Amino acid sequence: MPEGKWEPGVVNLDNKLFLFGGYKSGVVSSKRSDVFDPTSGSWTSIQELPSAITHMNMVLGWANGMVCRWI
């Protein structure tokens, strides 16, 4: 993981692991989002969250053929 953190929101989609927010060093909430691809063994930073957050519940759903995410 590019940045150590705990208590992020986590979801598995298309065999990739997505991590959103969580605590980083110093118990500071993070806006950082990353995706891990186990096939390549690589992490990629993706768009940051609009605000720093921890302790979130992640749920995936489908609507009109598209992935919908509720946080």
Protein backbone atom coordinates (compact mmCIF):
# COMPACT_ATOMS: atom_id res chain seq x y z
CA MET A 1 0.00 0.00 0.00
CA PRO A 2 1.50 3.37 -0.99
CA GLU A 3 0.46 4.99 2.31
CA GLY A 4 -0.05 2.98 5.49
CA LYS A 5 -3.55 3.44 6.89
CA TRP A 6 -6.21 1.72 8.95
CA GLU A 7 -10.02 1.71 9.05
CA PRO A 8 -10.50 2.69 5.38
CA GLY A 9 -13.62 1.90 3.39
CA VAL A 10 -12.84 -1.18 1.29
CA VAL A 11 -14.64 -2.80 -1.63
CA ASN A 12 -13.75 -5.53 -4.13
CA LEU A 13 -14.81 -4.79 -7.72
CA ASP A 14 -13.69 -6.57 -10.89
CA ASN A 15 -11.10 -8.52 -8.88
CA LYS A 16 -9.49 -5.28 -7.65
CA LEU A 17 -9.39 -3.94 -4.12
CA PHE A 18 -10.45 -0.31 -3.66
CA LEU A 19 -9.52 1.56 -0.45
CA PHE A 20 -11.09 4.91 0.45
CA GLY A 21 -10.04 7.27 3.24
CA GLY A 22 -9.12 5.83 6.63
CA TYR A 23 -6.60 6.97 9.19
CA LYS A 24 -3.01 7.71 8.23
CA SER A 25 0.00 8.31 10.46
CA GLY A 26 -0.73 10.37 13.54
CA VAL A 27 -4.42 9.32 13.60
CA VAL A 28 -5.27 11.86 10.90
CA SER A 29 -8.23 11.17 8.59
CA SER A 30 -7.33 10.78 4.92
CA LYS A 31 -8.95 11.75 1.61
CA ARG A 32 -6.66 9.40 -0.30
CA SER A 33 -8.11 6.60 -2.47
CA ASP A 34 -6.14 3.71 -3.97
CA VAL A 35 -6.83 0.57 -5.97
CA PHE A 36 -4.83 -2.67 -5.76
CA ASP A 37 -4.63 -5.01 -8.74
CA PRO A 38 -3.58 -8.47 -7.50
CA THR A 39 -2.91 -9.64 -11.07
CA SER A 40 -0.10 -7.12 -11.54
CA GLY A 41 0.66 -6.69 -7.81
CA SER A 42 0.45 -2.92 -8.22
CA TRP A 43 -1.23 -0.03 -6.40
CA THR A 44 -2.67 2.99 -8.22
CA SER A 45 -3.73 6.25 -6.59
CA ILE A 46 -7.18 7.36 -7.80
CA GLN A 47 -9.21 10.54 -7.28
CA GLU A 48 -9.25 11.78 -3.69
CA LEU A 49 -12.45 11.89 -1.69
CA PRO A 50 -14.05 15.35 -1.29
CA SER A 51 -13.36 15.20 2.46
CA ALA A 52 -11.27 13.10 4.83
CA ILE A 53 -13.27 10.22 6.30
CA THR A 54 -12.94 7.00 8.31
CA HIS A 55 -15.29 4.29 9.59
CA MET A 56 -17.45 4.20 6.45
CA ASN A 57 -19.56 1.35 5.16
CA MET A 58 -19.16 0.52 1.49
CA VAL A 59 -21.92 -1.03 -0.62
CA LEU A 60 -21.90 -1.73 -4.35
CA GLY A 61 -25.01 -2.00 -6.47
CA TRP A 62 -26.07 -2.00 -10.10
CA ALA A 63 -28.49 0.47 -11.69
CA ASN A 64 -29.11 0.73 -15.43
CA GLY A 65 -26.02 -1.36 -16.19
CA MET A 66 -23.70 0.90 -14.17
CA VAL A 67 -21.99 0.45 -10.81
CA CYS A 68 -23.49 2.66 -8.12
CA ARG A 69 -21.64 3.39 -4.89
CA TRP A 70 -23.25 4.57 -1.69
CA ILE A 71 -21.04 5.72 1.13
